[in-house]
Amino acid sequence: MGHSLKPGDPAPPFSGMATDGTRVDLSDYRGRKLVLYFYPRDDTPGCTRQACSLRDHHALIASKGAAVLGVSTQGLPSHGAFTRKYGLNFPLLSDPDGAIARAYGALGRPGLVSRLRSALGLADRVTYVIDEAGRISDVIEHPDVGDHGREVLDRL
C-alpha cells in the first residue's frame, strides 16, 4: 500500500500484544493522546537511540497527557529483551505480520530503502501523534533518533 496518513485522518484501528503480554487496542487510548512510533528493529543503534530518547522524555510526554507505544515486526521475546536491556518505560507492540505497519503506511512505502526494508519485513521509522478523539494530529516522517523525545514534546 504505502499510503501516508496526514493530520486530520482517523487513526486506523489496531490490536496487538504488548511487551507485558497484554492485548493493546487503539481504543484503549481514547480520551488521551498517543505517540505511536514505528521503528525497524530492536536493539540496533538508531532504534536504541530513539527508544532511549523517548524513555528519557517519558515523564514530560506523560505530563502532556500522552502515552507512548513503539511498534516493530519483532516478536515479544525480542521486545522483552530490548525493554529490559534499556529500561524502557513504555510498551512495545509486536506486529509480526506487519498488518499494523501497513495500515499506517510504515511498511511498503515508495522508495528503494523502504522497499528493501519491506522485503526484509522491517517497518520504516515514522511517528504518529494521535489525539484524544483517535485522529492523527501530527506525523514525524523522518524522526531525529537522538532527540526524538524532544521532537515529540514539541508536537504535543
N, C-alpha and C. Protein backbone atom coordinates (compact mmCIF):
# COMPACT_ATOMS: atom_id res chain seq x y z
N MET A 1 0.82 -1.19 0.00
CA MET A 1 0.00 0.00 0.00
C MET A 1 0.86 1.25 0.00
N GLY A 2 1.53 1.51 1.13
CA GLY A 2 2.44 2.62 1.19
C GLY A 2 1.77 3.98 1.21
N HIS A 3 0.55 4.06 1.69
CA HIS A 3 -0.11 5.36 1.78
C HIS A 3 0.41 6.09 3.01
N SER A 4 0.28 7.39 2.98
CA SER A 4 0.70 8.18 4.13
C SER A 4 -0.52 8.82 4.76
N LEU A 5 -0.63 8.64 6.05
CA LEU A 5 -1.68 9.31 6.80
C LEU A 5 -1.24 10.74 7.04
N LYS A 6 -2.22 11.63 7.15
CA LYS A 6 -1.90 13.02 7.40
C LYS A 6 -2.78 13.56 8.52
N PRO A 7 -2.37 14.69 9.11
CA PRO A 7 -3.18 15.27 10.17
C PRO A 7 -4.64 15.43 9.76
N GLY A 8 -5.52 15.04 10.67
CA GLY A 8 -6.95 15.08 10.43
C GLY A 8 -7.54 13.75 10.06
N ASP A 9 -6.70 12.84 9.54
CA ASP A 9 -7.18 11.49 9.18
C ASP A 9 -7.50 10.70 10.45
N PRO A 10 -8.51 9.82 10.38
CA PRO A 10 -8.74 8.93 11.52
C PRO A 10 -7.58 7.94 11.62
N ALA A 11 -7.15 7.68 12.84
CA ALA A 11 -6.09 6.69 13.06
C ALA A 11 -6.67 5.30 12.80
N PRO A 12 -6.00 4.49 11.98
CA PRO A 12 -6.51 3.13 11.74
C PRO A 12 -6.55 2.32 13.04
N PRO A 13 -7.64 1.59 13.25
CA PRO A 13 -7.70 0.76 14.46
C PRO A 13 -6.62 -0.32 14.41
N PHE A 14 -6.12 -0.69 15.56
CA PHE A 14 -5.14 -1.77 15.63
C PHE A 14 -5.33 -2.54 16.93
N SER A 15 -4.79 -3.73 16.95
CA SER A 15 -4.80 -4.57 18.14
C SER A 15 -3.57 -5.46 18.06
N GLY A 16 -2.89 -5.63 19.17
CA GLY A 16 -1.71 -6.47 19.20
C GLY A 16 -1.26 -6.75 20.61
N MET A 17 -0.25 -7.59 20.72
CA MET A 17 0.30 -7.95 22.03
C MET A 17 1.45 -7.02 22.39
N ALA A 18 1.42 -6.55 23.63
CA ALA A 18 2.45 -5.65 24.12
C ALA A 18 3.50 -6.43 24.91
N THR A 19 4.58 -5.73 25.23
CA THR A 19 5.72 -6.31 25.92
C THR A 19 5.32 -7.10 27.16
N ASP A 20 4.35 -6.59 27.91
CA ASP A 20 3.95 -7.26 29.16
C ASP A 20 2.95 -8.39 28.94
N GLY A 21 2.66 -8.72 27.67
CA GLY A 21 1.75 -9.82 27.38
C GLY A 21 0.28 -9.45 27.32
N THR A 22 -0.03 -8.17 27.49
CA THR A 22 -1.43 -7.75 27.42
C THR A 22 -1.78 -7.37 25.98
N ARG A 23 -3.04 -7.51 25.65
CA ARG A 23 -3.53 -7.08 24.33
C ARG A 23 -3.78 -5.58 24.41
N VAL A 24 -3.31 -4.87 23.41
CA VAL A 24 -3.45 -3.42 23.33
C VAL A 24 -4.23 -3.08 22.06
N ASP A 25 -5.20 -2.18 22.21
CA ASP A 25 -6.02 -1.71 21.09
C ASP A 25 -5.96 -0.20 21.04
N LEU A 26 -6.13 0.37 19.86
CA LEU A 26 -6.19 1.83 19.75
C LEU A 26 -7.26 2.38 20.68
N SER A 27 -8.39 1.69 20.81
CA SER A 27 -9.49 2.19 21.63
C SER A 27 -9.10 2.33 23.11
N ASP A 28 -8.04 1.63 23.54
CA ASP A 28 -7.57 1.76 24.93
C ASP A 28 -7.08 3.18 25.21
N TYR A 29 -6.74 3.91 24.17
CA TYR A 29 -6.16 5.25 24.34
C TYR A 29 -7.16 6.36 24.07
N ARG A 30 -8.41 6.01 23.81
CA ARG A 30 -9.45 7.02 23.56
C ARG A 30 -9.51 7.95 24.78
N GLY A 31 -9.53 9.24 24.52
CA GLY A 31 -9.58 10.21 25.61
C GLY A 31 -8.21 10.72 26.04
N ARG A 32 -7.15 10.17 25.46
CA ARG A 32 -5.80 10.68 25.73
C ARG A 32 -4.99 10.63 24.45
N LYS A 33 -3.91 11.35 24.42
CA LYS A 33 -3.04 11.37 23.24
C LYS A 33 -2.18 10.11 23.23
N LEU A 34 -1.82 9.69 22.04
CA LEU A 34 -0.94 8.53 21.86
C LEU A 34 0.16 8.89 20.87
N VAL A 35 1.40 8.62 21.28
CA VAL A 35 2.55 8.74 20.39
C VAL A 35 2.83 7.32 19.92
N LEU A 36 2.48 7.04 18.68
CA LEU A 36 2.64 5.71 18.10
C LEU A 36 3.82 5.77 17.14
N TYR A 37 4.91 5.11 17.54
CA TYR A 37 6.09 5.20 16.69
C TYR A 37 6.48 3.83 16.15
N PHE A 38 6.79 3.82 14.87
CA PHE A 38 7.23 2.62 14.17
C PHE A 38 8.73 2.70 14.00
N TYR A 39 9.39 1.56 14.19
CA TYR A 39 10.85 1.52 14.06
C TYR A 39 11.23 0.18 13.44
N PRO A 40 12.41 0.11 12.78
CA PRO A 40 12.77 -1.11 12.06
C PRO A 40 13.08 -2.33 12.92
N ARG A 41 13.92 -2.20 13.95
CA ARG A 41 14.40 -3.41 14.61
C ARG A 41 14.89 -3.13 16.03
N ASP A 42 14.55 -4.03 16.95
CA ASP A 42 15.02 -3.93 18.33
C ASP A 42 16.54 -3.98 18.40
N ASP A 43 17.08 -3.23 19.35
CA ASP A 43 18.49 -3.32 19.75
C ASP A 43 19.48 -3.07 18.60
N THR A 44 19.14 -2.15 17.71
CA THR A 44 20.08 -1.68 16.70
C THR A 44 20.44 -0.24 17.07
N PRO A 45 21.54 0.30 16.58
CA PRO A 45 21.99 1.61 17.07
C PRO A 45 20.95 2.72 16.97
N GLY A 46 20.36 2.93 15.79
CA GLY A 46 19.38 4.01 15.64
C GLY A 46 18.12 3.78 16.45
N CYS A 47 17.63 2.55 16.43
CA CYS A 47 16.40 2.23 17.16
C CYS A 47 16.62 2.34 18.68
N THR A 48 17.80 1.99 19.13
CA THR A 48 18.12 2.10 20.56
C THR A 48 18.18 3.57 20.97
N ARG A 49 18.84 4.41 20.16
CA ARG A 49 18.91 5.84 20.49
C ARG A 49 17.51 6.46 20.52
N GLN A 50 16.66 6.06 19.57
CA GLN A 50 15.31 6.60 19.52
C GLN A 50 14.51 6.17 20.75
N ALA A 51 14.54 4.89 21.07
CA ALA A 51 13.80 4.39 22.23
C ALA A 51 14.29 5.02 23.53
N CYS A 52 15.61 5.17 23.66
CA CYS A 52 16.16 5.77 24.88
C CYS A 52 15.81 7.25 25.00
N SER A 53 15.74 7.96 23.87
CA SER A 53 15.32 9.36 23.91
C SER A 53 13.87 9.46 24.38
N LEU A 54 13.01 8.57 23.88
CA LEU A 54 11.61 8.57 24.34
C LEU A 54 11.52 8.16 25.80
N ARG A 55 12.33 7.20 26.22
CA ARG A 55 12.38 6.78 27.63
C ARG A 55 12.76 7.97 28.51
N ASP A 56 13.80 8.70 28.11
CA ASP A 56 14.29 9.80 28.92
C ASP A 56 13.32 10.98 28.98
N HIS A 57 12.45 11.11 28.00
CA HIS A 57 11.46 12.20 27.97
C HIS A 57 10.05 11.72 28.37
N HIS A 58 9.95 10.46 28.78
CA HIS A 58 8.64 9.85 29.04
C HIS A 58 7.81 10.63 30.06
N ALA A 59 8.43 11.05 31.16
CA ALA A 59 7.68 11.77 32.20
C ALA A 59 7.11 13.08 31.66
N LEU A 60 7.89 13.80 30.87
CA LEU A 60 7.40 15.05 30.29
C LEU A 60 6.31 14.79 29.27
N ILE A 61 6.46 13.74 28.48
CA ILE A 61 5.44 13.38 27.50
C ILE A 61 4.13 13.03 28.23
N ALA A 62 4.24 12.23 29.29
CA ALA A 62 3.06 11.85 30.08
C ALA A 62 2.42 13.07 30.73
N SER A 63 3.24 14.05 31.14
CA SER A 63 2.69 15.26 31.77
C SER A 63 1.86 16.08 30.78
N LYS A 64 2.06 15.83 29.48
CA LYS A 64 1.24 16.49 28.45
C LYS A 64 0.05 15.62 28.06
N GLY A 65 -0.22 14.57 28.83
CA GLY A 65 -1.40 13.74 28.60
C GLY A 65 -1.24 12.69 27.52
N ALA A 66 0.00 12.33 27.20
CA ALA A 66 0.22 11.37 26.11
C ALA A 66 0.88 10.09 26.61
N ALA A 67 0.52 9.00 25.96
CA ALA A 67 1.16 7.70 26.17
C ALA A 67 2.08 7.45 24.97
N VAL A 68 3.06 6.58 25.15
CA VAL A 68 3.98 6.20 24.08
C VAL A 68 3.83 4.72 23.82
N LEU A 69 3.81 4.33 22.56
CA LEU A 69 3.73 2.93 22.17
C LEU A 69 4.62 2.74 20.95
N GLY A 70 5.61 1.86 21.07
CA GLY A 70 6.50 1.54 19.96
C GLY A 70 6.01 0.30 19.24
N VAL A 71 6.20 0.25 17.92
CA VAL A 71 5.74 -0.87 17.12
C VAL A 71 6.84 -1.30 16.14
N SER A 72 7.14 -2.60 16.15
CA SER A 72 8.01 -3.17 15.11
C SER A 72 7.55 -4.60 14.87
N THR A 73 8.16 -5.23 13.88
CA THR A 73 7.72 -6.56 13.48
C THR A 73 8.36 -7.69 14.29
N GLN A 74 9.25 -7.37 15.21
CA GLN A 74 9.83 -8.43 16.04
C GLN A 74 8.79 -8.97 17.02
N GLY A 75 9.06 -10.16 17.52
CA GLY A 75 8.16 -10.80 18.45
C GLY A 75 8.37 -10.33 19.89
N LEU A 76 7.51 -10.82 20.76
CA LEU A 76 7.55 -10.42 22.17
C LEU A 76 8.87 -10.76 22.86
N PRO A 77 9.51 -11.93 22.59
CA PRO A 77 10.80 -12.19 23.26
C PRO A 77 11.85 -11.12 22.93
N SER A 78 11.92 -10.70 21.68
CA SER A 78 12.87 -9.66 21.28
C SER A 78 12.51 -8.33 21.96
N HIS A 79 11.23 -7.98 21.94
CA HIS A 79 10.78 -6.74 22.59
C HIS A 79 11.08 -6.76 24.08
N GLY A 80 10.84 -7.90 24.72
CA GLY A 80 11.09 -8.01 26.16
C GLY A 80 12.56 -7.81 26.49
N ALA A 81 13.44 -8.43 25.71
CA ALA A 81 14.88 -8.29 25.94
C ALA A 81 15.32 -6.85 25.73
N PHE A 82 14.80 -6.21 24.68
CA PHE A 82 15.14 -4.81 24.38
C PHE A 82 14.67 -3.91 25.52
N THR A 83 13.46 -4.13 25.98
CA THR A 83 12.88 -3.34 27.07
C THR A 83 13.72 -3.47 28.34
N ARG A 84 14.07 -4.70 28.69
CA ARG A 84 14.87 -4.93 29.91
C ARG A 84 16.27 -4.34 29.78
N LYS A 85 16.91 -4.54 28.66
CA LYS A 85 18.29 -4.09 28.47
C LYS A 85 18.42 -2.57 28.63
N TYR A 86 17.41 -1.83 28.15
CA TYR A 86 17.50 -0.37 28.17
C TYR A 86 16.52 0.29 29.14
N GLY A 87 15.83 -0.50 29.95
CA GLY A 87 14.92 0.06 30.95
C GLY A 87 13.82 0.91 30.33
N LEU A 88 13.27 0.45 29.21
CA LEU A 88 12.21 1.21 28.56
C LEU A 88 10.98 1.28 29.46
N ASN A 89 10.38 2.45 29.54
CA ASN A 89 9.26 2.68 30.46
C ASN A 89 7.94 2.88 29.71
N PHE A 90 7.84 2.26 28.55
CA PHE A 90 6.62 2.27 27.75
C PHE A 90 6.56 0.93 27.01
N PRO A 91 5.37 0.50 26.61
CA PRO A 91 5.25 -0.79 25.95
C PRO A 91 5.68 -0.77 24.48
N LEU A 92 6.12 -1.92 24.02
CA LEU A 92 6.40 -2.16 22.61
C LEU A 92 5.35 -3.15 22.13
N LEU A 93 4.84 -2.93 20.96
CA LEU A 93 3.79 -3.77 20.39
C LEU A 93 4.40 -4.64 19.30
N SER A 94 4.11 -5.92 19.36
CA SER A 94 4.61 -6.86 18.36
C SER A 94 3.65 -6.89 17.17
N ASP A 95 4.22 -6.72 15.99
CA ASP A 95 3.45 -6.68 14.73
C ASP A 95 4.10 -7.65 13.74
N PRO A 96 4.11 -8.96 14.08
CA PRO A 96 4.88 -9.91 13.29
C PRO A 96 4.47 -10.05 11.83
N ASP A 97 3.21 -9.83 11.52
CA ASP A 97 2.78 -9.92 10.12
C ASP A 97 2.78 -8.56 9.41
N GLY A 98 3.16 -7.51 10.14
CA GLY A 98 3.24 -6.18 9.55
C GLY A 98 1.90 -5.52 9.28
N ALA A 99 0.81 -6.08 9.79
CA ALA A 99 -0.52 -5.53 9.49
C ALA A 99 -0.70 -4.11 10.03
N ILE A 100 -0.21 -3.86 11.23
CA ILE A 100 -0.36 -2.53 11.81
C ILE A 100 0.51 -1.54 11.03
N ALA A 101 1.75 -1.93 10.75
CA ALA A 101 2.65 -1.05 9.99
C ALA A 101 2.08 -0.74 8.61
N ARG A 102 1.49 -1.73 7.95
CA ARG A 102 0.89 -1.48 6.64
C ARG A 102 -0.30 -0.52 6.76
N ALA A 103 -1.13 -0.71 7.78
CA ALA A 103 -2.30 0.16 7.96
C ALA A 103 -1.89 1.62 8.15
N TYR A 104 -0.72 1.84 8.75
CA TYR A 104 -0.22 3.19 9.00
C TYR A 104 0.76 3.66 7.93
N GLY A 105 0.97 2.84 6.91
CA GLY A 105 1.87 3.23 5.83
C GLY A 105 3.33 3.18 6.21
N ALA A 106 3.68 2.46 7.27
CA ALA A 106 5.08 2.36 7.70
C ALA A 106 5.78 1.14 7.08
N LEU A 107 5.04 0.34 6.36
CA LEU A 107 5.61 -0.81 5.66
C LEU A 107 5.07 -0.77 4.24
N GLY A 108 5.94 -0.88 3.26
CA GLY A 108 5.51 -0.85 1.87
C GLY A 108 5.47 0.54 1.28
N ARG A 109 6.22 1.47 1.85
CA ARG A 109 6.27 2.83 1.31
C ARG A 109 7.08 2.85 0.02
N PRO A 110 6.90 3.89 -0.79
CA PRO A 110 7.70 4.01 -2.01
C PRO A 110 9.16 4.34 -1.68
N GLY A 111 10.03 4.10 -2.61
CA GLY A 111 11.45 4.40 -2.43
C GLY A 111 12.26 3.13 -2.25
N LEU A 112 13.49 3.15 -2.72
CA LEU A 112 14.34 1.98 -2.70
C LEU A 112 14.59 1.46 -1.29
N VAL A 113 14.98 2.33 -0.36
CA VAL A 113 15.28 1.89 1.00
C VAL A 113 14.03 1.29 1.65
N SER A 114 12.90 1.94 1.47
CA SER A 114 11.64 1.43 2.05
C SER A 114 11.28 0.08 1.45
N ARG A 115 11.47 -0.07 0.14
CA ARG A 115 11.16 -1.36 -0.49
C ARG A 115 12.08 -2.46 0.03
N LEU A 116 13.35 -2.14 0.22
CA LEU A 116 14.29 -3.13 0.77
C LEU A 116 13.90 -3.51 2.20
N ARG A 117 13.57 -2.50 3.01
CA ARG A 117 13.12 -2.79 4.39
C ARG A 117 11.88 -3.68 4.36
N SER A 118 10.92 -3.32 3.52
CA SER A 118 9.69 -4.10 3.43
C SER A 118 9.96 -5.54 3.04
N ALA A 119 10.89 -5.73 2.10
CA ALA A 119 11.24 -7.09 1.68
C ALA A 119 11.80 -7.90 2.84
N LEU A 120 12.45 -7.21 3.77
CA LEU A 120 13.00 -7.87 4.96
C LEU A 120 11.99 -7.92 6.11
N GLY A 121 10.81 -7.35 5.88
CA GLY A 121 9.79 -7.32 6.93
C GLY A 121 10.04 -6.27 7.99
N LEU A 122 10.78 -5.23 7.64
CA LEU A 122 11.12 -4.17 8.60
C LEU A 122 10.35 -2.90 8.27
N ALA A 123 9.75 -2.30 9.29
CA ALA A 123 8.99 -1.07 9.10
C ALA A 123 9.92 0.12 8.92
N ASP A 124 9.43 1.15 8.26
CA ASP A 124 10.13 2.43 8.20
C ASP A 124 9.98 3.13 9.54
N ARG A 125 10.87 4.07 9.78
CA ARG A 125 10.83 4.86 11.01
C ARG A 125 9.90 6.05 10.78
N VAL A 126 8.77 6.06 11.45
CA VAL A 126 7.79 7.16 11.34
C VAL A 126 6.99 7.19 12.64
N THR A 127 6.62 8.40 13.06
CA THR A 127 5.87 8.57 14.31
C THR A 127 4.58 9.31 14.03
N TYR A 128 3.51 8.81 14.64
CA TYR A 128 2.19 9.45 14.55
C TYR A 128 1.77 9.91 15.93
N VAL A 129 1.32 11.15 16.01
CA VAL A 129 0.70 11.65 17.24
C VAL A 129 -0.80 11.57 16.99
N ILE A 130 -1.49 10.83 17.85
CA ILE A 130 -2.93 10.61 17.72
C ILE A 130 -3.61 11.37 18.85
N ASP A 131 -4.63 12.14 18.50
CA ASP A 131 -5.30 12.96 19.53
C ASP A 131 -6.31 12.14 20.33
N GLU A 132 -6.94 12.80 21.28
CA GLU A 132 -7.87 12.15 22.20
C GLU A 132 -9.08 11.55 21.51
N ALA A 133 -9.41 12.05 20.32
CA ALA A 133 -10.57 11.56 19.58
C ALA A 133 -10.20 10.46 18.58
N GLY A 134 -8.91 10.06 18.55
CA GLY A 134 -8.50 8.99 17.65
C GLY A 134 -8.16 9.45 16.24
N ARG A 135 -7.78 10.73 16.11
CA ARG A 135 -7.39 11.27 14.81
C ARG A 135 -5.89 11.59 14.82
N ILE A 136 -5.27 11.48 13.66
CA ILE A 136 -3.87 11.84 13.52
C ILE A 136 -3.76 13.35 13.70
N SER A 137 -2.96 13.79 14.65
CA SER A 137 -2.77 15.24 14.83
C SER A 137 -1.43 15.71 14.29
N ASP A 138 -0.45 14.78 14.17
CA ASP A 138 0.84 15.15 13.62
C ASP A 138 1.56 13.90 13.14
N VAL A 139 2.45 14.08 12.18
CA VAL A 139 3.25 12.99 11.64
C VAL A 139 4.71 13.45 11.61
N ILE A 140 5.58 12.64 12.17
CA ILE A 140 7.02 12.92 12.09
C ILE A 140 7.58 11.89 11.13
N GLU A 141 7.78 12.32 9.88
CA GLU A 141 8.18 11.42 8.79
C GLU A 141 9.62 10.94 8.92
N HIS A 142 10.50 11.79 9.40
CA HIS A 142 11.92 11.44 9.49
C HIS A 142 12.42 11.81 10.88
N PRO A 143 12.11 11.00 11.89
CA PRO A 143 12.49 11.34 13.25
C PRO A 143 14.01 11.46 13.43
N ASP A 144 14.39 12.39 14.28
CA ASP A 144 15.78 12.53 14.71
C ASP A 144 15.96 11.55 15.87
N VAL A 145 16.58 10.41 15.60
CA VAL A 145 16.61 9.33 16.60
C VAL A 145 17.22 9.77 17.92
N GLY A 146 18.24 10.59 17.88
CA GLY A 146 18.91 11.00 19.11
C GLY A 146 18.13 12.00 19.93
N ASP A 147 17.19 12.70 19.32
CA ASP A 147 16.43 13.74 20.02
C ASP A 147 14.92 13.57 19.80
N HIS A 148 14.50 12.33 19.61
CA HIS A 148 13.10 12.10 19.27
C HIS A 148 12.15 12.48 20.41
N GLY A 149 12.58 12.28 21.64
CA GLY A 149 11.73 12.67 22.77
C GLY A 149 11.40 14.15 22.73
N ARG A 150 12.39 14.99 22.46
CA ARG A 150 12.17 16.44 22.36
C ARG A 150 11.29 16.77 21.15
N GLU A 151 11.53 16.09 20.04
CA GLU A 151 10.69 16.29 18.84
C GLU A 151 9.22 16.02 19.17
N VAL A 152 8.97 14.92 19.87
CA VAL A 152 7.59 14.56 20.24
C VAL A 152 7.00 15.61 21.16
N LEU A 153 7.77 16.05 22.17
CA LEU A 153 7.27 17.07 23.09
C LEU A 153 6.86 18.34 22.34
N ASP A 154 7.65 18.70 21.34
CA ASP A 154 7.34 19.92 20.57
C ASP A 154 6.06 19.78 19.76
N ARG A 155 5.60 18.55 19.53
CA ARG A 155 4.38 18.31 18.72
C ARG A 155 3.14 18.10 19.58
N LEU A 156 3.32 17.96 20.87
CA LEU A 156 2.15 17.70 21.75
C LEU A 156 1.48 18.99 22.18
